[in-house]
Amino acid sequence: MQSSRVPEMRRCRVAELQSYFSSLLPCFFAALLIIAMLAGCSGGITDVAVGDYDTLIKSGWDEYNRNKFTEANQLFVRAKEADATKPEAYIGSGWSQLRLQQPYNAVVTFRDAFTYITSLYDSVDALCGLSGSYLAAGENANVINLFKKYKISSYDEAFPFGKHDFSISKGDLEIVQAMALYRLGMYSSVDQADPDNATYHLNQALYTPYTYTDAQSLMEKITTYLEESDKTYYKW
């Protein structure tokens, strides 16, 4: 009887961990999840400046940073209509959709953004958003494949972000990967060689390395990291 409860207990713990990842955004690094942040209630964007692309982008981030994600997304969509070849409108819309608990829409939007990206900053911004969207949508294998395609070791200079989610860091991206690999059952080097396991990526974000013992303790360690880094790291 005890053994039959283990999968159920693990599912409950996974759900609990996901709520931590969701508490501020998601968002990196994650996880990841159902986003719990709700859009602001005050309403409409009829009184918000509407004009050229740059004005719409600035107004969009202003609304986003006030947690008015519906209004922000509407402004970013208008910016895309004003100039569909500039990536920031897609990036802003993607983040807004992720905050609005629309990870599948956000995946499409962030992937569209890569069509137009030419700068390191925009690349890292979109990578963070897309990885969080994949994680929130439960597309864990896509999280891992994304980071294999875009190596984050050279992205440090893009942090911190200048217009939104100012506390996001490379360490958060490691946590996103740790969560995805945990969900895939790749807990430690016993299951999959480094770097393709959750313990490896968790340790990239920790000052004191964690030694893997079992899946439950690994989950608790990730949860503890999220709780203790509340003011330092961005949580998906």
Protein backbone atom coordinates (compact mmCIF):
# COMPACT_ATOMS: atom_id res chain seq x y z
CA MET A 1 0.00 0.00 0.00
CA GLN A 2 2.88 2.32 0.87
CA SER A 3 4.58 1.79 -2.50
CA SER A 4 1.38 2.59 -4.37
CA ARG A 5 1.33 6.05 -2.81
CA VAL A 6 4.82 7.02 -3.97
CA PRO A 7 3.87 8.15 -7.52
CA GLU A 8 0.94 10.14 -6.12
CA MET A 9 3.21 11.78 -3.50
CA ARG A 10 5.75 12.67 -6.17
CA ARG A 11 3.06 14.20 -8.37
CA CYS A 12 1.92 16.31 -5.43
CA ARG A 13 5.47 17.47 -4.77
CA VAL A 14 5.95 18.30 -8.45
CA ALA A 15 2.78 20.37 -8.37
CA GLU A 16 4.04 22.14 -5.24
CA LEU A 17 7.39 22.89 -6.86
CA GLN A 18 5.70 24.21 -9.99
CA SER A 19 3.78 26.70 -7.89
CA TYR A 20 7.07 28.15 -6.65
CA PHE A 21 8.32 28.54 -10.21
CA SER A 22 5.07 30.24 -11.11
CA SER A 23 4.98 32.69 -8.22
CA LEU A 24 6.72 35.59 -9.90
CA LEU A 25 5.96 34.86 -13.51
CA PRO A 26 6.42 32.85 -14.59
CA CYS A 27 9.29 33.26 -15.83
CA PHE A 28 14.52 31.71 -16.68
CA PHE A 29 15.34 30.20 -15.44
CA ALA A 30 11.68 28.25 -14.16
CA ALA A 31 9.68 26.81 -13.88
CA LEU A 32 7.18 26.05 -15.28
CA LEU A 33 4.43 25.48 -15.13
CA ILE A 34 1.29 27.40 -14.72
CA ILE A 35 2.00 31.13 -14.39
CA ALA A 36 0.22 32.57 -11.38
CA MET A 37 0.75 36.24 -11.96
CA LEU A 38 -2.53 37.86 -12.97
CA ALA A 39 -3.03 40.89 -15.10
CA GLY A 40 -3.89 44.18 -13.44
CA CYS A 41 -7.55 44.91 -13.07
CA SER A 42 -7.63 48.61 -13.89
CA GLY A 43 -8.75 48.96 -17.24
CA GLY A 44 -8.19 49.50 -20.85
CA ILE A 45 -5.43 51.12 -22.83
CA THR A 46 -7.48 53.84 -24.42
CA ASP A 47 -5.69 56.40 -22.27
CA VAL A 48 -2.22 55.00 -23.08
CA ALA A 49 -0.10 56.69 -25.69
CA VAL A 50 -0.64 55.22 -29.14
CA GLY A 51 1.72 56.15 -31.91
CA ASP A 52 4.82 54.93 -33.66
CA TYR A 53 6.68 51.71 -32.98
CA ASP A 54 9.03 53.09 -30.32
CA THR A 55 6.20 54.78 -28.43
CA LEU A 56 4.17 51.58 -28.41
CA ILE A 57 7.14 49.54 -27.21
CA LYS A 58 7.86 51.93 -24.34
CA SER A 59 4.18 52.02 -23.34
CA GLY A 60 4.05 48.23 -23.52
CA TRP A 61 6.94 47.78 -21.09
CA ASP A 62 5.50 50.44 -18.81
CA GLU A 63 2.26 48.48 -18.59
CA TYR A 64 4.12 45.18 -18.22
CA ASN A 65 6.15 46.47 -15.29
CA ARG A 66 2.90 47.54 -13.63
CA ASN A 67 1.69 43.92 -13.96
CA LYS A 68 -0.92 45.00 -16.51
CA PHE A 69 -0.13 42.18 -18.88
CA THR A 70 -3.28 42.27 -20.97
CA GLU A 71 -2.76 45.95 -21.74
CA ALA A 72 0.93 45.34 -22.36
CA ASN A 73 0.24 42.58 -24.83
CA GLN A 74 -2.24 44.75 -26.73
CA LEU A 75 0.38 47.46 -27.07
CA PHE A 76 3.05 45.03 -28.25
CA VAL A 77 0.62 43.61 -30.82
CA ARG A 78 0.02 47.14 -32.09
CA ALA A 79 3.78 47.61 -32.30
CA LYS A 80 4.03 44.47 -34.45
CA GLU A 81 1.38 45.92 -36.72
CA ALA A 82 3.39 49.15 -36.96
CA ASP A 83 6.59 47.29 -37.87
CA ALA A 84 6.53 43.51 -38.14
CA THR A 85 10.29 43.21 -38.74
CA LYS A 86 11.53 44.38 -35.32
CA PRO A 87 11.94 41.70 -32.64
CA GLU A 88 11.16 43.62 -29.45
CA ALA A 89 7.42 43.70 -30.14
CA TYR A 90 7.42 39.90 -30.37
CA ILE A 91 9.55 39.56 -27.25
CA GLY A 92 7.28 41.86 -25.24
CA SER A 93 4.17 40.08 -26.48
CA GLY A 94 5.69 36.69 -25.64
CA TRP A 95 6.51 37.69 -22.07
CA SER A 96 3.04 39.19 -21.64
CA GLN A 97 1.39 36.00 -22.88
CA LEU A 98 3.52 33.91 -20.54
CA ARG A 99 2.45 36.09 -17.63
CA LEU A 100 -1.16 35.68 -18.74
CA GLN A 101 -0.82 31.89 -18.44
CA GLN A 102 -0.78 31.42 -22.20
CA PRO A 103 2.46 29.43 -22.65
CA TYR A 104 1.48 27.86 -25.97
CA ASN A 105 0.81 31.26 -27.50
CA ALA A 106 4.04 32.54 -25.99
CA VAL A 107 6.02 29.70 -27.60
CA VAL A 108 4.77 30.71 -31.03
CA THR A 109 5.47 34.39 -30.41
CA PHE A 110 9.01 33.86 -29.11
CA ARG A 111 9.82 31.55 -32.00
CA ASP A 112 8.61 34.25 -34.40
CA ALA A 113 10.91 36.71 -32.63
CA PHE A 114 14.01 34.71 -33.57
CA THR A 115 13.23 35.38 -37.23
CA TYR A 116 14.12 39.04 -36.72
CA ILE A 117 16.70 39.02 -33.91
CA THR A 118 20.16 40.36 -34.68
CA SER A 119 21.53 41.34 -31.23
CA LEU A 120 22.89 39.33 -28.30
CA TYR A 121 20.59 41.09 -25.85
CA ASP A 122 17.44 40.23 -27.79
CA SER A 123 18.67 36.66 -28.32
CA VAL A 124 19.09 36.07 -24.59
CA ASP A 125 15.80 37.79 -23.77
CA ALA A 126 13.90 35.60 -26.22
CA LEU A 127 15.78 32.49 -25.09
CA CYS A 128 14.75 33.09 -21.48
CA GLY A 129 11.14 33.65 -22.45
CA LEU A 130 10.98 30.68 -24.80
CA SER A 131 12.55 28.28 -22.30
CA GLY A 132 10.08 29.38 -19.63
CA SER A 133 7.21 28.98 -22.09
CA TYR A 134 8.29 25.47 -23.03
CA LEU A 135 8.57 24.55 -19.36
CA ALA A 136 5.17 26.05 -18.53
CA ALA A 137 3.67 24.10 -21.44
CA GLY A 138 5.24 20.86 -20.22
CA GLU A 139 7.46 20.60 -23.29
CA ASN A 140 10.47 19.51 -21.27
CA ALA A 141 12.48 17.94 -24.08
CA ASN A 142 12.20 21.20 -26.01
CA VAL A 143 13.70 23.06 -23.05
CA ILE A 144 16.79 20.86 -23.19
CA ASN A 145 17.08 20.99 -26.97
CA LEU A 146 16.81 24.78 -26.87
CA PHE A 147 19.80 25.13 -24.57
CA LYS A 148 21.81 22.68 -26.64
CA LYS A 149 21.20 24.88 -29.66
CA TYR A 150 21.88 28.19 -27.88
CA LYS A 151 24.81 27.89 -25.49
CA ILE A 152 24.24 30.23 -22.56
CA SER A 153 27.83 30.36 -21.34
CA SER A 154 28.50 33.32 -23.66
CA TYR A 155 25.33 35.21 -22.70
CA ASP A 156 26.42 36.66 -19.35
CA GLU A 157 26.86 40.19 -20.64
CA ALA A 158 23.16 40.32 -21.54
CA PHE A 159 22.18 40.29 -17.85
CA PRO A 160 20.55 42.08 -16.15
CA PHE A 161 17.74 42.92 -18.53
CA GLY A 162 17.24 46.62 -19.02
CA LYS A 163 13.47 46.87 -19.52
CA HIS A 164 11.74 44.08 -17.60
CA ASP A 165 12.22 41.23 -15.12
CA PHE A 166 15.39 42.88 -13.89
CA SER A 167 16.49 40.11 -11.51
CA ILE A 168 16.63 37.30 -14.05
CA SER A 169 20.09 35.71 -14.30
CA LYS A 170 21.99 32.84 -15.83
CA GLY A 171 21.45 30.88 -12.62
CA ASP A 172 17.72 30.92 -13.22
CA LEU A 173 18.26 29.37 -16.64
CA GLU A 174 20.13 26.55 -14.93
CA ILE A 175 17.10 25.97 -12.69
CA VAL A 176 14.81 25.85 -15.71
CA GLN A 177 16.99 23.09 -17.15
CA ALA A 178 17.13 21.30 -13.81
CA MET A 179 13.34 21.27 -13.59
CA ALA A 180 12.92 20.02 -17.15
CA LEU A 181 15.43 17.23 -16.62
CA TYR A 182 13.83 16.31 -13.31
CA ARG A 183 10.49 15.90 -15.08
CA LEU A 184 12.21 13.68 -17.64
CA GLY A 185 13.55 11.44 -14.87
CA MET A 186 17.18 12.46 -15.40
CA TYR A 187 17.95 13.20 -11.77
CA SER A 188 21.70 12.67 -11.55
CA SER A 189 24.73 11.31 -13.39
CA VAL A 190 23.50 7.83 -12.46
CA ASP A 191 20.56 8.40 -14.80
CA GLN A 192 22.30 10.50 -17.44
CA ALA A 193 25.89 11.71 -17.72
CA ASP A 194 26.72 15.35 -17.00
CA PRO A 195 25.53 17.85 -18.08
CA ASP A 196 22.26 16.14 -19.00
CA ASN A 197 20.81 15.70 -15.52
CA ALA A 198 19.00 17.86 -12.99
CA THR A 199 21.64 17.70 -10.26
CA TYR A 200 24.33 19.06 -12.59
CA HIS A 201 22.29 22.13 -13.53
CA LEU A 202 21.12 22.75 -9.96
CA ASN A 203 24.74 22.82 -8.84
CA GLN A 204 25.55 25.43 -11.50
CA ALA A 205 23.21 27.76 -9.62
CA LEU A 206 24.34 26.88 -6.07
CA TYR A 207 27.28 28.21 -4.09
CA THR A 208 27.59 24.92 -2.19
CA PRO A 209 27.23 21.83 -4.39
CA TYR A 210 24.47 19.37 -3.65
CA THR A 211 25.18 15.63 -3.57
CA TYR A 212 22.35 13.61 -5.04
CA THR A 213 20.75 10.96 -2.83
CA ASP A 214 17.22 10.53 -4.18
CA ALA A 215 14.59 12.28 -6.31
CA GLN A 216 12.64 13.58 -3.33
CA SER A 217 15.64 15.31 -1.76
CA LEU A 218 16.57 16.78 -5.14
CA MET A 219 13.12 18.30 -5.49
CA GLU A 220 13.35 19.70 -1.96
CA LYS A 221 16.72 21.24 -2.77
CA ILE A 222 15.30 22.99 -5.84
CA THR A 223 12.38 24.22 -3.73
CA THR A 224 14.74 25.52 -1.06
CA TYR A 225 16.76 27.33 -3.69
CA LEU A 226 13.64 29.11 -4.91
CA GLU A 227 12.57 30.09 -1.42
CA GLU A 228 15.98 31.40 -0.35
CA SER A 229 16.68 33.29 -3.58
CA ASP A 230 13.40 35.18 -3.61
CA LYS A 231 15.05 38.61 -3.74
CA THR A 232 17.96 37.60 -5.94
CA TYR A 233 16.78 35.28 -8.67
CA TYR A 234 13.97 35.37 -11.11
CA LYS A 235 11.43 32.56 -10.65
CA TRP A 236 9.47 31.02 -13.47
